[in-house]
């Protein structure tokens, strides 16, 4: 496995073990859908302060996951453009998923 792929594996698994358990890392669509549900529940109200805080924390975690996937997609696009322009591609742009989750 390459260094970039190792980093990606770590990033995808970070912060997703709490509610996901043994299901593995969240994909972008699943994280986005769960984030939308968290927002809906927070906006609807009717939860205790403790429940609201837990929802907020989960929403922050899901937002970081989504952003990491979007950042990875941007890197893939940039690398593809660089290859078509004849420029060397970035070593980390291996097209395997999100980047930057460990920075969040």
PDB file of N, CA and C in Angstrom:
ATOM      1  N   UNK A   1       0.848  -1.167   0.000  1.00  0.00           N
ATOM      2  CA  UNK A   1       0.000   0.000   0.000  1.00  0.00           C
ATOM      3  C   UNK A   1       0.899   1.237   0.000  1.00  0.00           C
ATOM      4  N   UNK A   2       0.549   2.279  -0.733  1.00  0.00           N
ATOM      5  CA  UNK A   2       1.359   3.480  -0.806  1.00  0.00           C
ATOM      6  C   UNK A   2       1.164   4.328   0.435  1.00  0.00           C
ATOM      7  N   UNK A   3       2.060   5.294   0.630  1.00  0.00           N
ATOM      8  CA  UNK A   3       1.939   6.186   1.774  1.00  0.00           C
ATOM      9  C   UNK A   3       0.622   6.947   1.721  1.00  0.00           C
ATOM     10  N   UNK A   4       0.234   7.428   0.535  1.00  0.00           N
ATOM     11  CA  UNK A   4      -1.032   8.143   0.393  1.00  0.00           C
ATOM     12  C   UNK A   4      -2.219   7.268   0.746  1.00  0.00           C
ATOM     13  N   UNK A   5      -2.173   6.009   0.320  1.00  0.00           N
ATOM     14  CA  UNK A   5      -3.276   5.094   0.627  1.00  0.00           C
ATOM     15  C   UNK A   5      -3.315   4.793   2.123  1.00  0.00           C
ATOM     16  N   UNK A   6      -2.131   4.672   2.761  1.00  0.00           N
ATOM     17  CA  UNK A   6      -2.103   4.458   4.206  1.00  0.00           C
ATOM     18  C   UNK A   6      -2.740   5.621   4.937  1.00  0.00           C
ATOM     19  N   UNK A   7      -2.389   6.836   4.513  1.00  0.00           N
ATOM     20  CA  UNK A   7      -2.948   8.023   5.154  1.00  0.00           C
ATOM     21  C   UNK A   7      -4.452   8.080   4.968  1.00  0.00           C
ATOM     22  N   UNK A   8      -4.904   7.719   3.775  1.00  0.00           N
ATOM     23  CA  UNK A   8      -6.338   7.746   3.499  1.00  0.00           C
ATOM     24  C   UNK A   8      -7.073   6.763   4.389  1.00  0.00           C
ATOM     25  N   UNK A   9      -6.532   5.561   4.544  1.00  0.00           N
ATOM     26  CA  UNK A   9      -7.184   4.566   5.384  1.00  0.00           C
ATOM     27  C   UNK A   9      -7.352   5.102   6.797  1.00  0.00           C
ATOM     28  N   UNK A  10      -6.315   5.747   7.331  1.00  0.00           N
ATOM     29  CA  UNK A  10      -6.405   6.308   8.662  1.00  0.00           C
ATOM     30  C   UNK A  10      -7.421   7.418   8.739  1.00  0.00           C
ATOM     31  N   UNK A  11      -7.475   8.239   7.714  1.00  0.00           N
ATOM     32  CA  UNK A  11      -8.399   9.372   7.703  1.00  0.00           C
ATOM     33  C   UNK A  11      -9.831   8.897   7.652  1.00  0.00           C
ATOM     34  N   UNK A  12     -10.107   7.928   6.832  1.00  0.00           N
ATOM     35  CA  UNK A  12     -11.480   7.464   6.698  1.00  0.00           C
ATOM     36  C   UNK A  12     -11.981   6.851   7.990  1.00  0.00           C
ATOM     37  N   UNK A  13     -11.110   6.183   8.724  1.00  0.00           N
ATOM     38  CA  UNK A  13     -11.538   5.515   9.935  1.00  0.00           C
ATOM     39  C   UNK A  13     -11.627   6.425  11.134  1.00  0.00           C
ATOM     40  N   UNK A  14     -11.030   7.611  11.084  1.00  0.00           N
ATOM     41  CA  UNK A  14     -11.016   8.496  12.233  1.00  0.00           C
ATOM     42  C   UNK A  14     -12.401   9.050  12.523  1.00  0.00           C
ATOM     43  N   UNK A  15     -12.759   9.028  13.802  1.00  0.00           N
ATOM     44  CA  UNK A  15     -13.982   9.681  14.238  1.00  0.00           C
ATOM     45  C   UNK A  15     -15.258   9.030  13.778  1.00  0.00           C
ATOM     46  N   UNK A  16     -15.179   7.879  13.198  1.00  0.00           N
ATOM     47  CA  UNK A  16     -16.383   7.260  12.670  1.00  0.00           C
ATOM     48  C   UNK A  16     -16.720   5.974  13.396  1.00  0.00           C
ATOM     49  N   UNK A  17     -15.967   5.648  14.424  1.00  0.00           N
ATOM     50  CA  UNK A  17     -16.173   4.388  15.093  1.00  0.00           C
ATOM     51  C   UNK A  17     -17.274   4.451  16.126  1.00  0.00           C
ATOM     52  N   UNK A  18     -17.569   5.659  16.660  1.00  0.00           N
ATOM     53  CA  UNK A  18     -18.565   5.796  17.716  1.00  0.00           C
ATOM     54  C   UNK A  18     -19.896   5.189  17.350  1.00  0.00           C
ATOM     55  N   UNK A  19     -20.584   5.751  16.382  1.00  0.00           N
ATOM     56  CA  UNK A  19     -21.904   5.253  16.017  1.00  0.00           C
ATOM     57  C   UNK A  19     -21.840   4.235  14.887  1.00  0.00           C
ATOM     58  N   UNK A  20     -20.726   4.175  14.178  1.00  0.00           N
ATOM     59  CA  UNK A  20     -20.647   3.262  13.049  1.00  0.00           C
ATOM     60  C   UNK A  20     -20.224   1.860  13.454  1.00  0.00           C
ATOM     61  N   UNK A  21     -19.541   1.728  14.601  1.00  0.00           N
ATOM     62  CA  UNK A  21     -19.151   0.412  15.071  1.00  0.00           C
ATOM     63  C   UNK A  21     -18.290  -0.309  14.062  1.00  0.00           C
ATOM     64  N   UNK A  22     -18.655  -1.521  13.755  1.00  0.00           N
ATOM     65  CA  UNK A  22     -17.876  -2.368  12.864  1.00  0.00           C
ATOM     66  C   UNK A  22     -18.294  -2.234  11.401  1.00  0.00           C
ATOM     67  N   UNK A  23     -19.116  -1.254  11.065  1.00  0.00           N
ATOM     68  CA  UNK A  23     -19.604  -1.113   9.701  1.00  0.00           C
ATOM     69  C   UNK A  23     -18.553  -0.540   8.762  1.00  0.00           C
ATOM     70  N   UNK A  24     -17.473   0.010   9.297  1.00  0.00           N
ATOM     71  CA  UNK A  24     -16.428   0.572   8.469  1.00  0.00           C
ATOM     72  C   UNK A  24     -16.630   2.046   8.214  1.00  0.00           C
ATOM     73  N   UNK A  25     -15.734   2.616   7.421  1.00  0.00           N
ATOM     74  CA  UNK A  25     -15.776   4.057   7.185  1.00  0.00           C
ATOM     75  C   UNK A  25     -16.989   4.487   6.377  1.00  0.00           C
ATOM     76  N   UNK A  26     -17.405   5.712   6.644  1.00  0.00           N
ATOM     77  CA  UNK A  26     -18.543   6.274   5.925  1.00  0.00           C
ATOM     78  C   UNK A  26     -18.118   6.771   4.554  1.00  0.00           C
ATOM     79  N   UNK A  27     -18.927   6.497   3.560  1.00  0.00           N
ATOM     80  CA  UNK A  27     -18.744   7.112   2.265  1.00  0.00           C
ATOM     81  C   UNK A  27     -19.342   8.506   2.295  1.00  0.00           C
ATOM     82  N   UNK A  28     -19.051   9.294   1.272  1.00  0.00           N
ATOM     83  CA  UNK A  28     -19.534  10.671   1.230  1.00  0.00           C
ATOM     84  C   UNK A  28     -21.057  10.746   1.311  1.00  0.00           C
ATOM     85  N   UNK A  29     -21.745   9.968   0.495  1.00  0.00           N
ATOM     86  CA  UNK A  29     -23.208  10.065   0.437  1.00  0.00           C
ATOM     87  C   UNK A  29     -23.847   9.702   1.771  1.00  0.00           C
ATOM     88  N   UNK A  30     -23.324   8.664   2.417  1.00  0.00           N
ATOM     89  CA  UNK A  30     -23.892   8.245   3.698  1.00  0.00           C
ATOM     90  C   UNK A  30     -23.649   9.301   4.774  1.00  0.00           C
ATOM     91  N   UNK A  31     -22.452   9.864   4.783  1.00  0.00           N
ATOM     92  CA  UNK A  31     -22.130  10.915   5.753  1.00  0.00           C
ATOM     93  C   UNK A  31     -23.002  12.141   5.510  1.00  0.00           C
ATOM     94  N   UNK A  32     -23.180  12.513   4.244  1.00  0.00           N
ATOM     95  CA  UNK A  32     -24.007  13.678   3.900  1.00  0.00           C
ATOM     96  C   UNK A  32     -25.456  13.456   4.331  1.00  0.00           C
ATOM     97  N   UNK A  33     -25.977  12.265   4.060  1.00  0.00           N
ATOM     98  CA  UNK A  33     -27.363  11.971   4.431  1.00  0.00           C
ATOM     99  C   UNK A  33     -27.553  11.986   5.944  1.00  0.00           C
ATOM    100  N   UNK A  34     -26.590  11.409   6.668  1.00  0.00           N
ATOM    101  CA  UNK A  34     -26.690  11.409   8.126  1.00  0.00           C
ATOM    102  C   UNK A  34     -26.567  12.835   8.668  1.00  0.00           C
ATOM    103  N   UNK A  35     -25.697  13.641   8.063  1.00  0.00           N
ATOM    104  CA  UNK A  35     -25.560  15.040   8.469  1.00  0.00           C
ATOM    105  C   UNK A  35     -26.874  15.794   8.261  1.00  0.00           C
ATOM    106  N   UNK A  36     -27.519  15.563   7.141  1.00  0.00           N
ATOM    107  CA  UNK A  36     -28.813  16.212   6.883  1.00  0.00           C
ATOM    108  C   UNK A  36     -29.837  15.813   7.941  1.00  0.00           C
ATOM    109  N   UNK A  37     -29.822  14.566   8.364  1.00  0.00           N
ATOM    110  CA  UNK A  37     -30.746  14.098   9.403  1.00  0.00           C
ATOM    111  C   UNK A  37     -30.429  14.751  10.747  1.00  0.00           C
ATOM    112  N   UNK A  38     -29.145  14.891  11.066  1.00  0.00           N
ATOM    113  CA  UNK A  38     -28.749  15.554  12.306  1.00  0.00           C
ATOM    114  C   UNK A  38     -29.254  16.999  12.301  1.00  0.00           C
ATOM    115  N   UNK A  39     -29.048  17.696  11.192  1.00  0.00           N
ATOM    116  CA  UNK A  39     -29.506  19.081  11.087  1.00  0.00           C
ATOM    117  C   UNK A  39     -31.022  19.154  11.242  1.00  0.00           C
ATOM    118  N   UNK A  40     -31.737  18.243  10.597  1.00  0.00           N
ATOM    119  CA  UNK A  40     -33.195  18.228  10.695  1.00  0.00           C
ATOM    120  C   UNK A  40     -33.629  18.068  12.144  1.00  0.00           C
ATOM    121  N   UNK A  41     -32.998  17.143  12.860  1.00  0.00           N
ATOM    122  CA  UNK A  41     -33.365  16.895  14.257  1.00  0.00           C
ATOM    123  C   UNK A  41     -33.057  18.096  15.139  1.00  0.00           C
ATOM    124  N   UNK A  42     -31.919  18.734  14.891  1.00  0.00           N
ATOM    125  CA  UNK A  42     -31.574  19.921  15.678  1.00  0.00           C
ATOM    126  C   UNK A  42     -32.553  21.063  15.406  1.00  0.00           C
ATOM    127  N   UNK A  43     -32.912  21.253  14.149  1.00  0.00           N
ATOM    128  CA  UNK A  43     -33.843  22.324  13.793  1.00  0.00           C
ATOM    129  C   UNK A  43     -35.246  22.063  14.318  1.00  0.00           C
ATOM    130  N   UNK A  44     -35.627  20.804  14.417  1.00  0.00           N
ATOM    131  CA  UNK A  44     -36.968  20.458  14.900  1.00  0.00           C
ATOM    132  C   UNK A  44     -37.111  20.737  16.391  1.00  0.00           C
ATOM    133  N   UNK A  45     -35.987  20.707  17.107  1.00  0.00           N
ATOM    134  CA  UNK A  45     -36.044  20.952  18.543  1.00  0.00           C
ATOM    135  C   UNK A  45     -36.620  19.764  19.282  1.00  0.00           C
ATOM    136  N   UNK A  46     -36.999  19.994  20.525  1.00  0.00           N
ATOM    137  CA  UNK A  46     -37.617  18.932  21.315  1.00  0.00           C
ATOM    138  C   UNK A  46     -36.626  17.946  21.899  1.00  0.00           C
ATOM    139  N   UNK A  47     -35.332  18.253  21.814  1.00  0.00           N
ATOM    140  CA  UNK A  47     -34.338  17.370  22.414  1.00  0.00           C
ATOM    141  C   UNK A  47     -33.771  18.043  23.659  1.00  0.00           C
ATOM    142  N   UNK A  48     -33.252  17.240  24.548  1.00  0.00           N
ATOM    143  CA  UNK A  48     -32.629  17.792  25.742  1.00  0.00           C
ATOM    144  C   UNK A  48     -31.318  18.465  25.356  1.00  0.00           C
ATOM    145  N   UNK A  49     -30.781  19.233  26.283  1.00  0.00           N
ATOM    146  CA  UNK A  49     -29.496  19.888  26.040  1.00  0.00           C
ATOM    147  C   UNK A  49     -28.425  18.848  25.742  1.00  0.00           C
ATOM    148  N   UNK A  50     -28.400  17.785  26.518  1.00  0.00           N
ATOM    149  CA  UNK A  50     -27.393  16.737  26.319  1.00  0.00           C
ATOM    150  C   UNK A  50     -27.546  16.078  24.943  1.00  0.00           C
ATOM    151  N   UNK A  51     -28.778  15.790  24.547  1.00  0.00           N
ATOM    152  CA  UNK A  51     -29.021  15.204  23.221  1.00  0.00           C
ATOM    153  C   UNK A  51     -28.615  16.175  22.115  1.00  0.00           C
ATOM    154  N   UNK A  52     -28.937  17.445  22.313  1.00  0.00           N
ATOM    155  CA  UNK A  52     -28.574  18.459  21.315  1.00  0.00           C
ATOM    156  C   UNK A  52     -27.063  18.572  21.163  1.00  0.00           C
ATOM    157  N   UNK A  53     -26.352  18.544  22.275  1.00  0.00           N
ATOM    158  CA  UNK A  53     -24.895  18.609  22.218  1.00  0.00           C
ATOM    159  C   UNK A  53     -24.314  17.390  21.502  1.00  0.00           C
ATOM    160  N   UNK A  54     -24.856  16.227  21.798  1.00  0.00           N
ATOM    161  CA  UNK A  54     -24.384  15.009  21.132  1.00  0.00           C
ATOM    162  C   UNK A  54     -24.657  15.081  19.625  1.00  0.00           C
ATOM    163  N   UNK A  55     -25.825  15.579  19.254  1.00  0.00           N
ATOM    164  CA  UNK A  55     -26.146  15.734  17.839  1.00  0.00           C
ATOM    165  C   UNK A  55     -25.196  16.731  17.175  1.00  0.00           C
ATOM    166  N   UNK A  56     -24.944  17.839  17.850  1.00  0.00           N
ATOM    167  CA  UNK A  56     -24.038  18.855  17.306  1.00  0.00           C
ATOM    168  C   UNK A  56     -22.647  18.263  17.075  1.00  0.00           C
ATOM    169  N   UNK A  57     -22.141  17.525  18.073  1.00  0.00           N
ATOM    170  CA  UNK A  57     -20.815  16.912  17.935  1.00  0.00           C
ATOM    171  C   UNK A  57     -20.791  15.915  16.781  1.00  0.00           C
ATOM    172  N   UNK A  58     -21.839  15.140  16.651  1.00  0.00           N
ATOM    173  CA  UNK A  58     -21.910  14.186  15.534  1.00  0.00           C
ATOM    174  C   UNK A  58     -21.961  14.937  14.205  1.00  0.00           C
ATOM    175  N   UNK A  59     -22.710  16.030  14.171  1.00  0.00           N
ATOM    176  CA  UNK A  59     -22.779  16.833  12.955  1.00  0.00           C
ATOM    177  C   UNK A  59     -21.419  17.392  12.564  1.00  0.00           C
ATOM    178  N   UNK A  60     -20.662  17.862  13.541  1.00  0.00           N
ATOM    179  CA  UNK A  60     -19.310  18.369  13.267  1.00  0.00           C
ATOM    180  C   UNK A  60     -18.428  17.264  12.689  1.00  0.00           C
ATOM    181  N   UNK A  61     -18.530  16.088  13.270  1.00  0.00           N
ATOM    182  CA  UNK A  61     -17.752  14.944  12.807  1.00  0.00           C
ATOM    183  C   UNK A  61     -18.129  14.575  11.360  1.00  0.00           C
ATOM    184  N   UNK A  62     -19.410  14.558  11.093  1.00  0.00           N
ATOM    185  CA  UNK A  62     -19.889  14.228   9.746  1.00  0.00           C
ATOM    186  C   UNK A  62     -19.480  15.300   8.739  1.00  0.00           C
ATOM    187  N   UNK A  63     -19.517  16.557   9.147  1.00  0.00           N
ATOM    188  CA  UNK A  63     -19.101  17.648   8.257  1.00  0.00           C
ATOM    189  C   UNK A  63     -17.624  17.501   7.910  1.00  0.00           C
ATOM    190  N   UNK A  64     -16.784  17.127   8.881  1.00  0.00           N
ATOM    191  CA  UNK A  64     -15.357  16.904   8.600  1.00  0.00           C
ATOM    192  C   UNK A  64     -15.173  15.745   7.620  1.00  0.00           C
ATOM    193  N   UNK A  65     -15.958  14.690   7.796  1.00  0.00           N
ATOM    194  CA  UNK A  65     -15.874  13.543   6.890  1.00  0.00           C
ATOM    195  C   UNK A  65     -16.247  13.957   5.473  1.00  0.00           C
ATOM    196  N   UNK A  66     -17.342  14.691   5.336  1.00  0.00           N
ATOM    197  CA  UNK A  66     -17.772  15.158   4.006  1.00  0.00           C
ATOM    198  C   UNK A  66     -16.714  16.051   3.378  1.00  0.00           C
ATOM    199  N   UNK A  67     -16.159  16.967   4.170  1.00  0.00           N
ATOM    200  CA  UNK A  67     -15.147  17.877   3.637  1.00  0.00           C
ATOM    201  C   UNK A  67     -13.902  17.118   3.190  1.00  0.00           C
ATOM    202  N   UNK A  68     -13.518  16.096   3.942  1.00  0.00           N
ATOM    203  CA  UNK A  68     -12.364  15.289   3.552  1.00  0.00           C
ATOM    204  C   UNK A  68     -12.608  14.600   2.208  1.00  0.00           C
ATOM    205  N   UNK A  69     -13.809  14.061   2.010  1.00  0.00           N
ATOM    206  CA  UNK A  69     -14.135  13.429   0.723  1.00  0.00           C
ATOM    207  C   UNK A  69     -14.108  14.462  -0.402  1.00  0.00           C
ATOM    208  N   UNK A  70     -14.656  15.651  -0.151  1.00  0.00           N
ATOM    209  CA  UNK A  70     -14.665  16.692  -1.182  1.00  0.00           C
ATOM    210  C   UNK A  70     -13.246  17.159  -1.495  1.00  0.00           C
ATOM    211  N   UNK A  71     -12.410  17.279  -0.469  1.00  0.00           N
ATOM    212  CA  UNK A  71     -11.013  17.653  -0.698  1.00  0.00           C
ATOM    213  C   UNK A  71     -10.301  16.595  -1.538  1.00  0.00           C
ATOM    214  N   UNK A  72     -10.572  15.330  -1.237  1.00  0.00           N
ATOM    215  CA  UNK A  72      -9.971  14.242  -2.021  1.00  0.00           C
ATOM    216  C   UNK A  72     -10.433  14.273  -3.466  1.00  0.00           C
ATOM    217  N   UNK A  73     -11.700  14.579  -3.680  1.00  0.00           N
ATOM    218  CA  UNK A  73     -12.222  14.674  -5.052  1.00  0.00           C
ATOM    219  C   UNK A  73     -11.542  15.818  -5.798  1.00  0.00           C
ATOM    220  N   UNK A  74     -11.347  16.939  -5.114  1.00  0.00           N
ATOM    221  CA  UNK A  74     -10.667  18.089  -5.733  1.00  0.00           C
ATOM    222  C   UNK A  74      -9.240  17.711  -6.112  1.00  0.00           C
ATOM    223  N   UNK A  75      -8.545  17.001  -5.241  1.00  0.00           N
ATOM    224  CA  UNK A  75      -7.182  16.568  -5.547  1.00  0.00           C
ATOM    225  C   UNK A  75      -7.152  15.654  -6.764  1.00  0.00           C
ATOM    226  N   UNK A  76      -8.126  14.758  -6.841  1.00  0.00           N
ATOM    227  CA  UNK A  76      -8.195  13.861  -8.000  1.00  0.00           C
ATOM    228  C   UNK A  76      -8.414  14.638  -9.285  1.00  0.00           C
ATOM    229  N   UNK A  77      -9.314  15.628  -9.244  1.00  0.00           N
ATOM    230  CA  UNK A  77      -9.565  16.453 -10.428  1.00  0.00           C
ATOM    231  C   UNK A  77      -8.326  17.245 -10.817  1.00  0.00           C
ATOM    232  N   UNK A  78      -7.667  17.835  -9.819  1.00  0.00           N
ATOM    233  CA  UNK A  78      -6.451  18.596 -10.098  1.00  0.00           C
ATOM    234  C   UNK A  78      -5.369  17.705 -10.699  1.00  0.00           C
ATOM    235  N   UNK A  79      -5.238  16.491 -10.180  1.00  0.00           N
ATOM    236  CA  UNK A  79      -4.236  15.563 -10.697  1.00  0.00           C
ATOM    237  C   UNK A  79      -4.571  15.155 -12.136  1.00  0.00           C
ATOM    238  N   UNK A  80      -5.847  14.916 -12.402  1.00  0.00           N
ATOM    239  CA  UNK A  80      -6.253  14.542 -13.759  1.00  0.00           C
ATOM    240  C   UNK A  80      -5.987  15.686 -14.727  1.00  0.00           C
ATOM    241  N   UNK A  81      -6.271  16.906 -14.299  1.00  0.00           N
ATOM    242  CA  UNK A  81      -5.996  18.062 -15.155  1.00  0.00           C
ATOM    243  C   UNK A  81      -4.505  18.213 -15.396  1.00  0.00           C
ATOM    244  N   UNK A  82      -3.715  18.006 -14.360  1.00  0.00           N
ATOM    245  CA  UNK A  82      -2.267  18.127 -14.500  1.00  0.00           C
ATOM    246  C   UNK A  82      -1.734  17.090 -15.487  1.00  0.00           C
ATOM    247  N   UNK A  83      -2.278  15.883 -15.432  1.00  0.00           N
ATOM    248  CA  UNK A  83      -1.832  14.830 -16.364  1.00  0.00           C
ATOM    249  C   UNK A  83      -2.198  15.183 -17.799  1.00  0.00           C
ATOM    250  N   UNK A  84      -3.372  15.746 -18.003  1.00  0.00           N
ATOM    251  CA  UNK A  84      -3.779  16.085 -19.369  1.00  0.00           C
ATOM    252  C   UNK A  84      -3.027  17.294 -19.890  1.00  0.00           C
ATOM    253  N   UNK A  85      -2.526  18.142 -18.983  1.00  0.00           N
ATOM    254  CA  UNK A  85      -1.728  19.306 -19.379  1.00  0.00           C
ATOM    255  C   UNK A  85      -0.260  18.951 -19.557  1.00  0.00           C
ATOM    256  N   UNK A  86       0.109  17.719 -19.242  1.00  0.00           N
ATOM    257  CA  UNK A  86       1.484  17.275 -19.385  1.00  0.00           C
ATOM    258  C   UNK A  86       2.337  17.528 -18.164  1.00  0.00           C
ATOM    259  N   UNK A  87       1.764  18.076 -17.112  1.00  0.00           N
ATOM    260  CA  UNK A  87       2.512  18.317 -15.885  1.00  0.00           C
ATOM    261  C   UNK A  87       2.489  17.052 -15.036  1.00  0.00           C
ATOM    262  N   UNK A  88       3.526  16.851 -14.226  1.00  0.00           N
ATOM    263  CA  UNK A  88       3.517  15.666 -13.357  1.00  0.00           C
ATOM    264  C   UNK A  88       2.429  15.778 -12.306  1.00  0.00           C
ATOM    265  N   UNK A  89       1.797  14.664 -12.005  1.00  0.00           N
ATOM    266  CA  UNK A  89       0.723  14.632 -11.008  1.00  0.00           C
ATOM    267  C   UNK A  89       1.318  14.602  -9.615  1.00  0.00           C
ATOM    268  N   UNK A  90       0.599  15.127  -8.644  1.00  0.00           N
ATOM    269  CA  UNK A  90       0.994  15.109  -7.242  1.00  0.00           C
ATOM    270  C   UNK A  90       1.010  13.656  -6.768  1.00  0.00           C
ATOM    271  N   UNK A  91       2.040  13.286  -5.998  1.00  0.00           N
ATOM    272  CA  UNK A  91       2.163  11.911  -5.506  1.00  0.00           C
ATOM    273  C   UNK A  91       0.995  11.481  -4.641  1.00  0.00           C
ATOM    274  N   UNK A  92       0.381  12.419  -3.904  1.00  0.00           N
ATOM    275  CA  UNK A  92      -0.722  12.072  -3.011  1.00  0.00           C
ATOM    276  C   UNK A  92      -2.050  11.954  -3.736  1.00  0.00           C
ATOM    277  N   UNK A  93      -2.121  12.381  -4.960  1.00  0.00           N
ATOM    278  CA  UNK A  93      -3.390  12.377  -5.687  1.00  0.00           C
ATOM    279  C   UNK A  93      -3.580  11.033  -6.373  1.00  0.00           C
ATOM    280  N   UNK A  94      -3.747   9.997  -5.574  1.00  0.00           N
ATOM    281  CA  UNK A  94      -3.874   8.653  -6.121  1.00  0.00           C
ATOM    282  C   UNK A  94      -5.310   8.235  -6.357  1.00  0.00           C
ATOM    283  N   UNK A  95      -6.259   9.130  -6.078  1.00  0.00           N
ATOM    284  CA  UNK A  95      -7.653   8.857  -6.384  1.00  0.00           C
ATOM    285  C   UNK A  95      -8.311   7.847  -5.468  1.00  0.00           C
ATOM    286  N   UNK A  96      -7.830   7.728  -4.246  1.00  0.00           N
ATOM    287  CA  UNK A  96      -8.367   6.678  -3.388  1.00  0.00           C
ATOM    288  C   UNK A  96      -9.311   7.166  -2.313  1.00  0.00           C
ATOM    289  N   UNK A  97      -9.612   8.453  -2.243  1.00  0.00           N
ATOM    290  CA  UNK A  97     -10.584   8.893  -1.258  1.00  0.00           C
ATOM    291  C   UNK A  97     -10.217  10.201  -0.606  1.00  0.00           C
ATOM    292  N   UNK A  98     -10.764  10.431   0.584  1.00  0.00           N
ATOM    293  CA  UNK A  98     -10.643  11.743   1.213  1.00  0.00           C
ATOM    294  C   UNK A  98      -9.247  12.013   1.736  1.00  0.00           C
ATOM    295  N   UNK A  99      -8.974  13.276   1.882  1.00  0.00           N
ATOM    296  CA  UNK A  99      -7.711  13.738   2.443  1.00  0.00           C
ATOM    297  C   UNK A  99      -8.013  14.751   3.536  1.00  0.00           C
ATOM    298  N   UNK A 100      -7.066  14.937   4.451  1.00  0.00           N
ATOM    299  CA  UNK A 100      -7.137  16.015   5.405  1.00  0.00           C
ATOM    300  C   UNK A 100      -8.000  15.790   6.622  1.00  0.00           C
ATOM    301  N   UNK A 101      -8.601  14.633   6.790  1.00  0.00           N
ATOM    302  CA  UNK A 101      -9.455  14.407   7.952  1.00  0.00           C
ATOM    303  C   UNK A 101      -8.656  14.437   9.241  1.00  0.00           C
ATOM    304  N   UNK A 102      -7.371  14.021   9.186  1.00  0.00           N
ATOM    305  CA  UNK A 102      -6.580  14.026  10.397  1.00  0.00           C
ATOM    306  C   UNK A 102      -6.231  15.435  10.831  1.00  0.00           C
ATOM    307  N   UNK A 103      -6.358  16.409   9.951  1.00  0.00           N
ATOM    308  CA  UNK A 103      -6.087  17.794  10.295  1.00  0.00           C
ATOM    309  C   UNK A 103      -7.262  18.429  11.015  1.00  0.00           C
ATOM    310  N   UNK A 104      -8.426  17.831  10.907  1.00  0.00           N
ATOM    311  CA  UNK A 104      -9.631  18.434  11.498  1.00  0.00           C
ATOM    312  C   UNK A 104      -9.688  18.178  12.975  1.00  0.00           C
TER     313      UNK A 104
END
